Amino acid sequence: MKARVFVTLKNGVLDPQGKAIGHALNGLGFGSVGEVRQGKVIDLELNETDAGKAKAELKAMCDKLLANTVIEKYEIELKG
């Protein structure tokens, strides 16, 4: 089973890298770009066939290592 985890900063947490990206895009002529928030995507391949077990295991991975849950939130996407 394949999984994708999206990790982003929580609302209210300053995102200087997102701000720099937005500023650079505006400077390149992309004036329609407003606020930018950056994050990371983590792709994993799991040796698990039960979606419930896989999701529970991924949640534990995120809580223990993949995301700093004090300032970051995450979303898990499973692919058959």
PDB file of N, CA and C in Angstrom:
ATOM      1  N   MET A   1       0.848  -1.169   0.000  1.00  0.00           N
ATOM      2  CA  MET A   1       0.000   0.000   0.000  1.00  0.00           C
ATOM      3  C   MET A   1       0.894   1.233   0.000  1.00  0.00           C
ATOM      4  N   LYS A   2       0.506   2.216  -0.790  1.00  0.00           N
ATOM      5  CA  LYS A   2       1.264   3.462  -0.851  1.00  0.00           C
ATOM      6  C   LYS A   2       0.534   4.536  -0.068  1.00  0.00           C
ATOM      7  N   ALA A   3       1.310   5.435   0.505  1.00  0.00           N
ATOM      8  CA  ALA A   3       0.739   6.528   1.279  1.00  0.00           C
ATOM      9  C   ALA A   3       1.472   7.814   0.962  1.00  0.00           C
ATOM     10  N   ARG A   4       0.752   8.904   1.104  1.00  0.00           N
ATOM     11  CA  ARG A   4       1.335  10.233   0.932  1.00  0.00           C
ATOM     12  C   ARG A   4       0.921  11.046   2.149  1.00  0.00           C
ATOM     13  N   VAL A   5       1.906  11.688   2.767  1.00  0.00           N
ATOM     14  CA  VAL A   5       1.655  12.531   3.932  1.00  0.00           C
ATOM     15  C   VAL A   5       1.999  13.967   3.560  1.00  0.00           C
ATOM     16  N   PHE A   6       1.046  14.869   3.788  1.00  0.00           N
ATOM     17  CA  PHE A   6       1.238  16.298   3.556  1.00  0.00           C
ATOM     18  C   PHE A   6       1.446  16.963   4.912  1.00  0.00           C
ATOM     19  N   VAL A   7       2.576  17.636   5.089  1.00  0.00           N
ATOM     20  CA  VAL A   7       2.875  18.319   6.339  1.00  0.00           C
ATOM     21  C   VAL A   7       2.976  19.815   6.059  1.00  0.00           C
ATOM     22  N   THR A   8       2.192  20.613   6.788  1.00  0.00           N
ATOM     23  CA  THR A   8       2.217  22.062   6.622  1.00  0.00           C
ATOM     24  C   THR A   8       2.176  22.725   7.995  1.00  0.00           C
ATOM     25  N   LEU A   9       2.573  23.979   8.028  1.00  0.00           N
ATOM     26  CA  LEU A   9       2.510  24.731   9.272  1.00  0.00           C
ATOM     27  C   LEU A   9       1.055  24.998   9.641  1.00  0.00           C
ATOM     28  N   LYS A  10       0.774  24.990  10.931  1.00  0.00           N
ATOM     29  CA  LYS A  10      -0.571  25.306  11.399  1.00  0.00           C
ATOM     30  C   LYS A  10      -0.876  26.769  11.126  1.00  0.00           C
ATOM     31  N   ASN A  11      -2.172  27.077  11.001  1.00  0.00           N
ATOM     32  CA  ASN A  11      -2.591  28.463  10.838  1.00  0.00           C
ATOM     33  C   ASN A  11      -2.120  29.267  12.047  1.00  0.00           C
ATOM     34  N   GLY A  12      -1.646  30.467  11.793  1.00  0.00           N
ATOM     35  CA  GLY A  12      -1.159  31.321  12.869  1.00  0.00           C
ATOM     36  C   GLY A  12       0.333  31.210  13.122  1.00  0.00           C
ATOM     37  N   VAL A  13       0.971  30.171  12.572  1.00  0.00           N
ATOM     38  CA  VAL A  13       2.420  30.018  12.705  1.00  0.00           C
ATOM     39  C   VAL A  13       3.070  30.762  11.536  1.00  0.00           C
ATOM     40  N   LEU A  14       4.018  31.632  11.847  1.00  0.00           N
ATOM     41  CA  LEU A  14       4.699  32.388  10.803  1.00  0.00           C
ATOM     42  C   LEU A  14       5.415  31.458   9.838  1.00  0.00           C
ATOM     43  N   ASP A  15       5.363  31.794   8.551  1.00  0.00           N
ATOM     44  CA  ASP A  15       5.979  30.986   7.501  1.00  0.00           C
ATOM     45  C   ASP A  15       6.892  31.875   6.655  1.00  0.00           C
ATOM     46  N   PRO A  16       8.121  32.145   7.145  1.00  0.00           N
ATOM     47  CA  PRO A  16       9.015  33.026   6.401  1.00  0.00           C
ATOM     48  C   PRO A  16       9.394  32.479   5.024  1.00  0.00           C
ATOM     49  N   GLN A  17       9.496  31.169   4.891  1.00  0.00           N
ATOM     50  CA  GLN A  17       9.838  30.594   3.592  1.00  0.00           C
ATOM     51  C   GLN A  17       8.679  30.797   2.609  1.00  0.00           C
ATOM     52  N   GLY A  18       7.456  30.612   3.055  1.00  0.00           N
ATOM     53  CA  GLY A  18       6.296  30.862   2.211  1.00  0.00           C
ATOM     54  C   GLY A  18       6.218  32.324   1.803  1.00  0.00           C
ATOM     55  N   LYS A  19       6.539  33.208   2.753  1.00  0.00           N
ATOM     56  CA  LYS A  19       6.527  34.647   2.462  1.00  0.00           C
ATOM     57  C   LYS A  19       7.578  34.980   1.395  1.00  0.00           C
ATOM     58  N   ALA A  20       8.767  34.386   1.496  1.00  0.00           N
ATOM     59  CA  ALA A  20       9.834  34.618   0.518  1.00  0.00           C
ATOM     60  C   ALA A  20       9.433  34.097  -0.863  1.00  0.00           C
ATOM     61  N   ILE A  21       8.779  32.943  -0.906  1.00  0.00           N
ATOM     62  CA  ILE A  21       8.325  32.383  -2.183  1.00  0.00           C
ATOM     63  C   ILE A  21       7.301  33.319  -2.815  1.00  0.00           C
ATOM     64  N   GLY A  22       6.335  33.774  -2.014  1.00  0.00           N
ATOM     65  CA  GLY A  22       5.319  34.688  -2.520  1.00  0.00           C
ATOM     66  C   GLY A  22       5.919  35.981  -3.044  1.00  0.00           C
ATOM     67  N   HIS A  23       6.884  36.523  -2.299  1.00  0.00           N
ATOM     68  CA  HIS A  23       7.549  37.759  -2.718  1.00  0.00           C
ATOM     69  C   HIS A  23       8.297  37.546  -4.037  1.00  0.00           C
ATOM     70  N   ALA A  24       8.996  36.418  -4.151  1.00  0.00           N
ATOM     71  CA  ALA A  24       9.747  36.121  -5.376  1.00  0.00           C
ATOM     72  C   ALA A  24       8.807  35.947  -6.567  1.00  0.00           C
ATOM     73  N   LEU A  25       7.680  35.266  -6.370  1.00  0.00           N
ATOM     74  CA  LEU A  25       6.720  35.088  -7.455  1.00  0.00           C
ATOM     75  C   LEU A  25       6.150  36.426  -7.908  1.00  0.00           C
ATOM     76  N   ASN A  26       5.833  37.297  -6.937  1.00  0.00           N
ATOM     77  CA  ASN A  26       5.351  38.638  -7.285  1.00  0.00           C
ATOM     78  C   ASN A  26       6.419  39.387  -8.077  1.00  0.00           C
ATOM     79  N   GLY A  27       7.677  39.268  -7.665  1.00  0.00           N
ATOM     80  CA  GLY A  27       8.782  39.927  -8.350  1.00  0.00           C
ATOM     81  C   GLY A  27       8.996  39.418  -9.761  1.00  0.00           C
ATOM     82  N   LEU A  28       8.584  38.179 -10.018  1.00  0.00           N
ATOM     83  CA  LEU A  28       8.710  37.593 -11.351  1.00  0.00           C
ATOM     84  C   LEU A  28       7.506  37.923 -12.233  1.00  0.00           C
ATOM     85  N   GLY A  29       6.606  38.748 -11.705  1.00  0.00           N
ATOM     86  CA  GLY A  29       5.467  39.169 -12.513  1.00  0.00           C
ATOM     87  C   GLY A  29       4.179  38.410 -12.269  1.00  0.00           C
ATOM     88  N   PHE A  30       4.166  37.513 -11.289  1.00  0.00           N
ATOM     89  CA  PHE A  30       2.951  36.774 -10.973  1.00  0.00           C
ATOM     90  C   PHE A  30       2.183  37.524  -9.883  1.00  0.00           C
ATOM     91  N   GLY A  31       1.578  38.633 -10.284  1.00  0.00           N
ATOM     92  CA  GLY A  31       0.920  39.535  -9.347  1.00  0.00           C
ATOM     93  C   GLY A  31      -0.338  38.997  -8.720  1.00  0.00           C
ATOM     94  N   SER A  32      -0.901  37.937  -9.273  1.00  0.00           N
ATOM     95  CA  SER A  32      -2.136  37.388  -8.715  1.00  0.00           C
ATOM     96  C   SER A  32      -1.885  36.499  -7.497  1.00  0.00           C
ATOM     97  N   VAL A  33      -0.604  36.226  -7.185  1.00  0.00           N
ATOM     98  CA  VAL A  33      -0.274  35.364  -6.046  1.00  0.00           C
ATOM     99  C   VAL A  33      -0.437  36.155  -4.761  1.00  0.00           C
ATOM    100  N   GLY A  34      -1.252  35.625  -3.858  1.00  0.00           N
ATOM    101  CA  GLY A  34      -1.448  36.240  -2.548  1.00  0.00           C
ATOM    102  C   GLY A  34      -0.565  35.555  -1.512  1.00  0.00           C
ATOM    103  N   GLU A  35      -1.180  35.111  -0.434  1.00  0.00           N
ATOM    104  CA  GLU A  35      -0.424  34.449   0.637  1.00  0.00           C
ATOM    105  C   GLU A  35       0.055  33.074   0.167  1.00  0.00           C
ATOM    106  N   VAL A  36       1.273  32.721   0.526  1.00  0.00           N
ATOM    107  CA  VAL A  36       1.855  31.424   0.179  1.00  0.00           C
ATOM    108  C   VAL A  36       2.244  30.717   1.471  1.00  0.00           C
ATOM    109  N   ARG A  37       1.858  29.459   1.602  1.00  0.00           N
ATOM    110  CA  ARG A  37       2.268  28.610   2.714  1.00  0.00           C
ATOM    111  C   ARG A  37       3.003  27.425   2.109  1.00  0.00           C
ATOM    112  N   GLN A  38       4.176  27.119   2.605  1.00  0.00           N
ATOM    113  CA  GLN A  38       4.931  25.996   2.064  1.00  0.00           C
ATOM    114  C   GLN A  38       4.878  24.835   3.050  1.00  0.00           C
ATOM    115  N   GLY A  39       5.163  23.652   2.542  1.00  0.00           N
ATOM    116  CA  GLY A  39       5.158  22.455   3.376  1.00  0.00           C
ATOM    117  C   GLY A  39       6.009  21.385   2.727  1.00  0.00           C
ATOM    118  N   LYS A  40       5.730  20.147   3.116  1.00  0.00           N
ATOM    119  CA  LYS A  40       6.483  19.037   2.531  1.00  0.00           C
ATOM    120  C   LYS A  40       5.537  17.876   2.271  1.00  0.00           C
ATOM    121  N   VAL A  41       5.924  17.040   1.306  1.00  0.00           N
ATOM    122  CA  VAL A  41       5.179  15.839   0.952  1.00  0.00           C
ATOM    123  C   VAL A  41       6.109  14.661   1.163  1.00  0.00           C
ATOM    124  N   ILE A  42       5.601  13.638   1.847  1.00  0.00           N
ATOM    125  CA  ILE A  42       6.392  12.435   2.118  1.00  0.00           C
ATOM    126  C   ILE A  42       5.642  11.245   1.533  1.00  0.00           C
ATOM    127  N   ASP A  43       6.274  10.528   0.612  1.00  0.00           N
ATOM    128  CA  ASP A  43       5.688   9.322   0.022  1.00  0.00           C
ATOM    129  C   ASP A  43       6.283   8.101   0.699  1.00  0.00           C
ATOM    130  N   LEU A  44       5.412   7.176   1.096  1.00  0.00           N
ATOM    131  CA  LEU A  44       5.858   5.956   1.763  1.00  0.00           C
ATOM    132  C   LEU A  44       5.202   4.749   1.111  1.00  0.00           C
ATOM    133  N   GLU A  45       5.904   3.641   1.117  1.00  0.00           N
ATOM    134  CA  GLU A  45       5.333   2.377   0.687  1.00  0.00           C
ATOM    135  C   GLU A  45       5.288   1.473   1.904  1.00  0.00           C
ATOM    136  N   LEU A  46       4.103   0.971   2.222  1.00  0.00           N
ATOM    137  CA  LEU A  46       3.912   0.151   3.417  1.00  0.00           C
ATOM    138  C   LEU A  46       3.604  -1.288   3.044  1.00  0.00           C
ATOM    139  N   ASN A  47       4.108  -2.215   3.850  1.00  0.00           N
ATOM    140  CA  ASN A  47       3.793  -3.630   3.676  1.00  0.00           C
ATOM    141  C   ASN A  47       2.587  -3.959   4.539  1.00  0.00           C
ATOM    142  N   GLU A  48       1.496  -3.299   4.281  1.00  0.00           N
ATOM    143  CA  GLU A  48       0.256  -3.473   5.035  1.00  0.00           C
ATOM    144  C   GLU A  48      -0.898  -3.454   4.056  1.00  0.00           C
ATOM    145  N   THR A  49      -1.836  -4.386   4.217  1.00  0.00           N
ATOM    146  CA  THR A  49      -2.983  -4.449   3.310  1.00  0.00           C
ATOM    147  C   THR A  49      -4.252  -3.893   3.942  1.00  0.00           C
ATOM    148  N   ASP A  50      -4.298  -3.804   5.253  1.00  0.00           N
ATOM    149  CA  ASP A  50      -5.468  -3.273   5.950  1.00  0.00           C
ATOM    150  C   ASP A  50      -5.355  -1.754   6.064  1.00  0.00           C
ATOM    151  N   ALA A  51      -6.306  -1.036   5.445  1.00  0.00           N
ATOM    152  CA  ALA A  51      -6.252   0.427   5.412  1.00  0.00           C
ATOM    153  C   ALA A  51      -6.320   1.031   6.811  1.00  0.00           C
ATOM    154  N   GLY A  52      -7.114   0.453   7.686  1.00  0.00           N
ATOM    155  CA  GLY A  52      -7.227   0.970   9.055  1.00  0.00           C
ATOM    156  C   GLY A  52      -5.919   0.868   9.823  1.00  0.00           C
ATOM    157  N   LYS A  53      -5.265  -0.275   9.708  1.00  0.00           N
ATOM    158  CA  LYS A  53      -3.968  -0.468  10.374  1.00  0.00           C
ATOM    159  C   LYS A  53      -2.916   0.456   9.777  1.00  0.00           C
ATOM    160  N   ALA A  54      -2.937   0.592   8.461  1.00  0.00           N
ATOM    161  CA  ALA A  54      -1.967   1.460   7.790  1.00  0.00           C
ATOM    162  C   ALA A  54      -2.138   2.899   8.247  1.00  0.00           C
ATOM    163  N   LYS A  55      -3.384   3.363   8.327  1.00  0.00           N
ATOM    164  CA  LYS A  55      -3.639   4.743   8.734  1.00  0.00           C
ATOM    165  C   LYS A  55      -3.204   4.975  10.182  1.00  0.00           C
ATOM    166  N   ALA A  56      -3.458   4.003  11.050  1.00  0.00           N
ATOM    167  CA  ALA A  56      -3.038   4.117  12.449  1.00  0.00           C
ATOM    168  C   ALA A  56      -1.518   4.162  12.557  1.00  0.00           C
ATOM    169  N   GLU A  57      -0.839   3.338  11.770  1.00  0.00           N
ATOM    170  CA  GLU A  57       0.619   3.310  11.779  1.00  0.00           C
ATOM    171  C   GLU A  57       1.186   4.628  11.250  1.00  0.00           C
ATOM    172  N   LEU A  58       0.582   5.154  10.187  1.00  0.00           N
ATOM    173  CA  LEU A  58       1.029   6.427   9.631  1.00  0.00           C
ATOM    174  C   LEU A  58       0.812   7.574  10.616  1.00  0.00           C
ATOM    175  N   LYS A  59      -0.299   7.552  11.326  1.00  0.00           N
ATOM    176  CA  LYS A  59      -0.563   8.583  12.330  1.00  0.00           C
ATOM    177  C   LYS A  59       0.523   8.551  13.406  1.00  0.00           C
ATOM    178  N   ALA A  60       0.886   7.347  13.842  1.00  0.00           N
ATOM    179  CA  ALA A  60       1.952   7.208  14.842  1.00  0.00           C
ATOM    180  C   ALA A  60       3.283   7.722  14.296  1.00  0.00           C
ATOM    181  N   MET A  61       3.576   7.444  13.023  1.00  0.00           N
ATOM    182  CA  MET A  61       4.812   7.929  12.396  1.00  0.00           C
ATOM    183  C   MET A  61       4.841   9.452  12.377  1.00  0.00           C
ATOM    184  N   CYS A  62       3.713  10.045  12.028  1.00  0.00           N
ATOM    185  CA  CYS A  62       3.632  11.510  11.974  1.00  0.00           C
ATOM    186  C   CYS A  62       3.799  12.116  13.356  1.00  0.00           C
ATOM    187  N   ASP A  63       3.117  11.540  14.336  1.00  0.00           N
ATOM    188  CA  ASP A  63       3.183  12.077  15.697  1.00  0.00           C
ATOM    189  C   ASP A  63       4.570  11.938  16.315  1.00  0.00           C
ATOM    190  N   LYS A  64       5.301  10.884  15.935  1.00  0.00           N
ATOM    191  CA  LYS A  64       6.612  10.624  16.540  1.00  0.00           C
ATOM    192  C   LYS A  64       7.783  11.219  15.763  1.00  0.00           C
ATOM    193  N   LEU A  65       7.651  11.377  14.427  1.00  0.00           N
ATOM    194  CA  LEU A  65       8.815  11.786  13.651  1.00  0.00           C
ATOM    195  C   LEU A  65       8.529  12.742  12.489  1.00  0.00           C
ATOM    196  N   LEU A  66       7.541  12.427  11.673  1.00  0.00           N
ATOM    197  CA  LEU A  66       7.375  13.124  10.405  1.00  0.00           C
ATOM    198  C   LEU A  66       6.889  14.562  10.531  1.00  0.00           C
ATOM    199  N   ALA A  67       6.172  14.872  11.612  1.00  0.00           N
ATOM    200  CA  ALA A  67       5.652  16.230  11.795  1.00  0.00           C
ATOM    201  C   ALA A  67       5.954  16.703  13.216  1.00  0.00           C
ATOM    202  N   ASN A  68       6.249  17.979  13.334  1.00  0.00           N
ATOM    203  CA  ASN A  68       6.376  18.619  14.646  1.00  0.00           C
ATOM    204  C   ASN A  68       4.981  19.116  14.988  1.00  0.00           C
ATOM    205  N   THR A  69       4.232  18.303  15.731  1.00  0.00           N
ATOM    206  CA  THR A  69       2.812  18.574  15.937  1.00  0.00           C
ATOM    207  C   THR A  69       2.542  19.819  16.783  1.00  0.00           C
ATOM    208  N   VAL A  70       3.572  20.426  17.343  1.00  0.00           N
ATOM    209  CA  VAL A  70       3.386  21.686  18.065  1.00  0.00           C
ATOM    210  C   VAL A  70       3.077  22.801  17.065  1.00  0.00           C
ATOM    211  N   ILE A  71       3.767  22.790  15.919  1.00  0.00           N
ATOM    212  CA  ILE A  71       3.588  23.871  14.946  1.00  0.00           C
ATOM    213  C   ILE A  71       3.112  23.389  13.575  1.00  0.00           C
ATOM    214  N   GLU A  72       3.052  22.068  13.365  1.00  0.00           N
ATOM    215  CA  GLU A  72       2.672  21.546  12.062  1.00  0.00           C
ATOM    216  C   GLU A  72       1.434  20.660  12.158  1.00  0.00           C
ATOM    217  N   LYS A  73       0.693  20.623  11.056  1.00  0.00           N
ATOM    218  CA  LYS A  73      -0.428  19.702  10.914  1.00  0.00           C
ATOM    219  C   LYS A  73      -0.120  18.777   9.751  1.00  0.00           C
ATOM    220  N   TYR A  74      -0.811  17.654   9.683  1.00  0.00           N
ATOM    221  CA  TYR A  74      -0.560  16.717   8.594  1.00  0.00           C
ATOM    222  C   TYR A  74      -1.865  16.095   8.104  1.00  0.00           C
ATOM    223  N   GLU A  75      -1.826  15.663   6.858  1.00  0.00           N
ATOM    224  CA  GLU A  75      -2.930  14.934   6.247  1.00  0.00           C
ATOM    225  C   GLU A  75      -2.365  13.664   5.634  1.00  0.00           C
ATOM    226  N   ILE A  76      -3.088  12.584   5.782  1.00  0.00           N
ATOM    227  CA  ILE A  76      -2.646  11.279   5.274  1.00  0.00           C
ATOM    228  C   ILE A  76      -3.550  10.875   4.119  1.00  0.00           C
ATOM    229  N   GLU A  77      -2.930  10.423   3.032  1.00  0.00           N
ATOM    230  CA  GLU A  77      -3.659   9.948   1.856  1.00  0.00           C
ATOM    231  C   GLU A  77      -3.174   8.550   1.542  1.00  0.00           C
ATOM    232  N   LEU A  78      -4.080   7.576   1.529  1.00  0.00           N
ATOM    233  CA  LEU A  78      -3.724   6.192   1.200  1.00  0.00           C
ATOM    234  C   LEU A  78      -4.097   5.887  -0.241  1.00  0.00           C
ATOM    235  N   LYS A  79      -3.238   5.106  -0.889  1.00  0.00           N
ATOM    236  CA  LYS A  79      -3.485   4.677  -2.262  1.00  0.00           C
ATOM    237  C   LYS A  79      -3.410   3.153  -2.303  1.00  0.00           C
ATOM    238  N   GLY A  80      -4.565   2.540  -2.563  1.00  0.00           N
ATOM    239  CA  GLY A  80      -4.708   1.089  -2.656  1.00  0.00           C
ATOM    240  C   GLY A  80      -3.462   0.374  -2.708  1.00  0.00           C
TER     241      GLY A  80
END
